[in-house]
Amino acid sequence: MKKILLLISLIIAIIIFSIIVLINNQRLLIKEAQLVQAMGKPLMAISLYERVLLNYVPFSPYNKKAIEGIERLCPNLTDKKHRLFCEETLRSSLYQIRSFYIPYKEKIKETEKRILILKTELYIEHNNPAERDYEKIYKDLKAMTEYEWYPSVFWSILVVISLLGWIASVIFIIYRGFKESINRKLVFISVGGFIIFFSLWIISLYFA
């Protein structure tokens, strides 16, 4: 019992230490981003704000500061390519902090709308298509922008479960099926489990 409590205490201590380190990283990066921004280097500041979000800690006040920092910089960039870079940096950093819980859903949607408008404007400027094609271009770019690239949560969970089941079935075969007297029933069940879990693992990898 003491060993279990010690292990739990150690895990909790590691988690707390990791959170402290991440929050401190965010604090330092925010300061650096603000300093660089004051020096008139907006693109570098955007990259630093992105790093703040990549050190994401739920409920940290620095998450909001980083998002607001990027959102303030984007409209002030005169070059549309730089504005697009800014908006896509915000979107990609918000996508990267997603897990089973998806924070800032509305922010992602708002950012994708701005990205879509910028992409449409840039496409028209560089390719000079006929005006009658504007609507089609917009729809095509919208479909590409809104396409869900993120892996399926259901299939991702199934990947982990099936992999653990596959490993467990192999261990079970080795330690329980092949003793001095071979238990054919256990071997049959274990091999069946091995085949099922392995097949499920491959299928879930494909659909994830």
Protein backbone atom coordinates (compact mmCIF):
# COMPACT_ATOMS: atom_id res chain seq x y z
CA MET A 1 0.00 0.00 0.00
CA LYS A 2 2.84 2.39 0.86
CA LYS A 3 4.50 1.73 -2.49
CA ILE A 4 1.27 2.53 -4.34
CA LEU A 5 0.84 5.80 -2.39
CA LEU A 6 4.47 6.68 -3.07
CA LEU A 7 4.00 6.02 -6.79
CA ILE A 8 0.83 8.14 -6.90
CA SER A 9 2.59 10.96 -5.02
CA LEU A 10 5.50 10.79 -7.47
CA ILE A 11 3.16 10.97 -10.49
CA ILE A 12 1.30 13.95 -8.98
CA ALA A 13 4.62 15.71 -8.23
CA ILE A 14 5.80 15.17 -11.84
CA ILE A 15 2.50 16.55 -13.23
CA ILE A 16 2.65 19.63 -10.96
CA PHE A 17 6.31 20.24 -11.86
CA SER A 18 5.50 19.94 -15.59
CA ILE A 19 2.64 22.44 -15.28
CA ILE A 20 4.90 24.92 -13.43
CA VAL A 21 7.58 24.59 -16.14
CA LEU A 22 5.06 25.09 -18.96
CA ILE A 23 3.46 28.14 -17.34
CA ASN A 24 6.89 29.66 -16.72
CA ASN A 25 7.79 29.03 -20.38
CA GLN A 26 4.59 30.81 -21.42
CA ARG A 27 5.37 33.77 -19.16
CA LEU A 28 8.89 34.18 -20.58
CA LEU A 29 7.71 33.79 -24.20
CA ILE A 30 4.96 36.38 -23.72
CA LYS A 31 7.54 38.87 -22.44
CA GLU A 32 9.86 38.13 -25.35
CA ALA A 33 7.00 38.43 -27.88
CA GLN A 34 5.96 41.80 -26.47
CA LEU A 35 9.55 43.03 -26.56
CA VAL A 36 10.05 41.91 -30.17
CA GLN A 37 6.70 43.45 -31.14
CA ALA A 38 7.78 46.78 -29.61
CA MET A 39 10.96 46.57 -31.71
CA GLY A 40 8.83 46.47 -34.87
CA LYS A 41 9.24 42.77 -35.71
CA PRO A 42 5.64 41.52 -35.96
CA LEU A 43 6.37 38.21 -37.75
CA MET A 44 8.86 37.17 -35.09
CA ALA A 45 6.37 38.19 -32.40
CA ILE A 46 3.71 36.00 -34.05
CA SER A 47 6.04 32.99 -33.94
CA LEU A 48 6.74 33.62 -30.24
CA TYR A 49 3.03 33.89 -29.46
CA GLU A 50 2.58 30.59 -31.30
CA ARG A 51 5.18 29.00 -29.00
CA VAL A 52 3.19 30.26 -25.99
CA LEU A 53 0.17 28.32 -27.26
CA LEU A 54 2.27 25.23 -27.95
CA ASN A 55 3.19 25.27 -24.23
CA TYR A 56 -0.56 25.11 -23.59
CA VAL A 57 -1.83 24.63 -20.05
CA PRO A 58 -5.62 24.57 -19.50
CA PHE A 59 -6.94 27.74 -17.80
CA SER A 60 -3.56 29.51 -18.05
CA PRO A 61 -4.08 33.28 -18.53
CA TYR A 62 -1.17 33.30 -20.99
CA ASN A 63 -3.22 31.31 -23.54
CA LYS A 64 -5.65 34.21 -23.93
CA LYS A 65 -2.82 36.77 -24.02
CA ALA A 66 -1.10 34.88 -26.86
CA ILE A 67 -4.30 34.59 -28.90
CA GLU A 68 -5.11 38.26 -28.39
CA GLY A 69 -1.51 39.18 -29.29
CA ILE A 70 -1.74 37.40 -32.64
CA GLU A 71 -5.23 38.76 -33.34
CA ARG A 72 -4.00 42.32 -32.75
CA LEU A 73 -1.03 41.87 -35.08
CA CYS A 74 -2.80 40.24 -38.05
CA PRO A 75 -4.97 43.19 -39.22
CA ASN A 76 -2.03 45.61 -38.95
CA LEU A 77 0.11 43.71 -41.48
CA THR A 78 -0.02 45.48 -44.82
CA ASP A 79 1.09 42.52 -46.95
CA LYS A 80 -1.78 40.07 -47.48
CA LYS A 81 0.66 37.15 -47.57
CA HIS A 82 1.90 38.13 -44.13
CA ARG A 83 -1.68 38.47 -42.89
CA LEU A 84 -2.42 35.00 -44.22
CA PHE A 85 0.69 33.65 -42.48
CA CYS A 86 -0.49 35.29 -39.24
CA GLU A 87 -4.01 33.86 -39.42
CA GLU A 88 -2.80 30.38 -40.42
CA THR A 89 -0.27 30.42 -37.57
CA LEU A 90 -3.10 31.13 -35.12
CA ARG A 91 -5.28 28.40 -36.59
CA SER A 92 -2.51 25.78 -36.67
CA SER A 93 -1.47 26.49 -33.08
CA LEU A 94 -5.10 26.16 -31.92
CA TYR A 95 -5.42 22.89 -33.83
CA GLN A 96 -2.23 21.53 -32.25
CA ILE A 97 -3.49 21.98 -28.67
CA ARG A 98 -6.63 19.93 -29.34
CA SER A 99 -7.07 16.54 -27.71
CA PHE A 100 -10.28 14.80 -26.65
CA TYR A 101 -11.37 18.29 -25.58
CA ILE A 102 -11.33 21.00 -28.23
CA PRO A 103 -10.68 24.48 -26.77
CA TYR A 104 -11.39 27.70 -28.66
CA LYS A 105 -13.83 26.20 -31.18
CA GLU A 106 -15.32 29.60 -31.99
CA LYS A 107 -11.88 31.17 -32.39
CA ILE A 108 -10.98 28.48 -34.94
CA LYS A 109 -14.17 29.17 -36.92
CA GLU A 110 -13.58 32.93 -36.89
CA THR A 111 -9.96 32.47 -37.97
CA GLU A 112 -10.94 30.12 -40.80
CA LYS A 113 -13.39 32.73 -42.15
CA ARG A 114 -10.65 35.34 -42.28
CA ILE A 115 -8.25 32.83 -43.91
CA LEU A 116 -10.85 32.00 -46.55
CA ILE A 117 -11.37 35.67 -47.47
CA LEU A 118 -7.61 36.27 -47.69
CA LYS A 119 -7.02 33.16 -49.80
CA THR A 120 -9.82 34.13 -52.18
CA GLU A 121 -8.45 37.67 -52.56
CA LEU A 122 -4.91 36.43 -53.16
CA TYR A 123 -6.07 33.83 -55.68
CA ILE A 124 -8.00 36.45 -57.65
CA GLU A 125 -5.07 38.90 -57.55
CA HIS A 126 -2.51 36.36 -58.78
CA ASN A 127 -4.61 34.41 -61.30
CA ASN A 128 -6.98 37.11 -62.56
CA PRO A 129 -9.91 34.75 -63.25
CA ALA A 130 -13.17 35.79 -64.88
CA GLU A 131 -15.60 37.49 -62.49
CA ARG A 132 -18.20 34.76 -63.12
CA ASP A 133 -15.78 32.24 -61.49
CA TYR A 134 -15.42 34.15 -58.20
CA GLU A 135 -18.21 32.25 -56.48
CA LYS A 136 -16.85 28.86 -57.57
CA ILE A 137 -13.33 29.80 -56.41
CA TYR A 138 -14.74 30.85 -53.04
CA LYS A 139 -16.67 27.58 -52.63
CA ASP A 140 -13.67 25.44 -53.62
CA LEU A 141 -11.38 27.25 -51.19
CA LYS A 142 -14.03 27.02 -48.48
CA ALA A 143 -14.28 23.25 -48.90
CA MET A 144 -10.48 22.96 -48.62
CA THR A 145 -10.30 25.28 -45.59
CA GLU A 146 -13.10 23.56 -43.69
CA TYR A 147 -11.94 20.01 -44.40
CA GLU A 148 -11.45 18.18 -41.12
CA TRP A 149 -7.82 16.95 -41.09
CA TYR A 150 -7.84 16.06 -37.39
CA PRO A 151 -7.88 12.32 -36.61
CA SER A 152 -11.16 10.78 -35.46
CA VAL A 153 -11.33 10.66 -31.65
CA PHE A 154 -13.29 7.38 -31.71
CA TRP A 155 -10.84 5.57 -33.99
CA SER A 156 -7.84 7.04 -32.15
CA ILE A 157 -9.11 5.61 -28.84
CA LEU A 158 -9.75 2.29 -30.58
CA VAL A 159 -6.14 2.25 -31.86
CA VAL A 160 -4.83 2.39 -28.28
CA ILE A 161 -7.34 -0.16 -26.91
CA SER A 162 -6.77 -2.67 -29.71
CA LEU A 163 -2.97 -2.31 -29.43
CA LEU A 164 -3.12 -2.98 -25.68
CA GLY A 165 -5.44 -5.94 -26.29
CA TRP A 166 -3.06 -7.32 -28.93
CA ILE A 167 -0.06 -7.05 -26.58
CA ALA A 168 -2.06 -8.55 -23.70
CA SER A 169 -3.13 -11.52 -25.83
CA VAL A 170 0.53 -12.24 -26.78
CA ILE A 171 1.61 -12.08 -23.15
CA PHE A 172 -1.31 -14.33 -22.17
CA ILE A 173 -0.32 -16.90 -24.80
CA ILE A 174 3.29 -16.97 -23.56
CA TYR A 175 2.63 -17.14 -19.83
CA ARG A 176 -0.61 -19.11 -19.62
CA GLY A 177 -0.95 -21.16 -22.79
CA PHE A 178 2.50 -22.78 -22.99
CA LYS A 179 3.30 -24.36 -19.65
CA GLU A 180 4.49 -27.89 -18.98
CA SER A 181 1.03 -29.11 -19.96
CA ILE A 182 -0.35 -27.07 -22.87
CA ASN A 183 -3.83 -25.74 -22.22
CA ARG A 184 -5.37 -25.91 -25.67
CA LYS A 185 -8.48 -24.00 -24.68
CA LEU A 186 -6.44 -21.05 -23.38
CA VAL A 187 -4.19 -21.13 -26.45
CA PHE A 188 -7.23 -21.12 -28.76
CA ILE A 189 -8.85 -18.17 -26.90
CA SER A 190 -5.56 -16.24 -26.83
CA VAL A 191 -4.83 -16.77 -30.53
CA GLY A 192 -8.41 -15.74 -31.34
CA GLY A 193 -7.94 -12.59 -29.24
CA PHE A 194 -4.59 -11.94 -30.95
CA ILE A 195 -6.16 -12.12 -34.43
CA ILE A 196 -9.19 -10.00 -33.46
CA PHE A 197 -7.19 -7.27 -31.69
CA PHE A 198 -4.52 -7.17 -34.41
CA SER A 199 -7.16 -6.85 -37.14
CA LEU A 200 -8.99 -4.17 -35.14
CA TRP A 201 -5.71 -2.29 -34.66
CA ILE A 202 -4.99 -2.25 -38.41
CA ILE A 203 -8.57 -1.17 -39.24
CA SER A 204 -8.60 1.59 -36.61
CA LEU A 205 -5.21 2.89 -37.83
CA TYR A 206 -6.65 3.14 -41.33
CA PHE A 207 -9.82 5.02 -40.27
CA ALA A 208 -8.17 7.22 -37.62
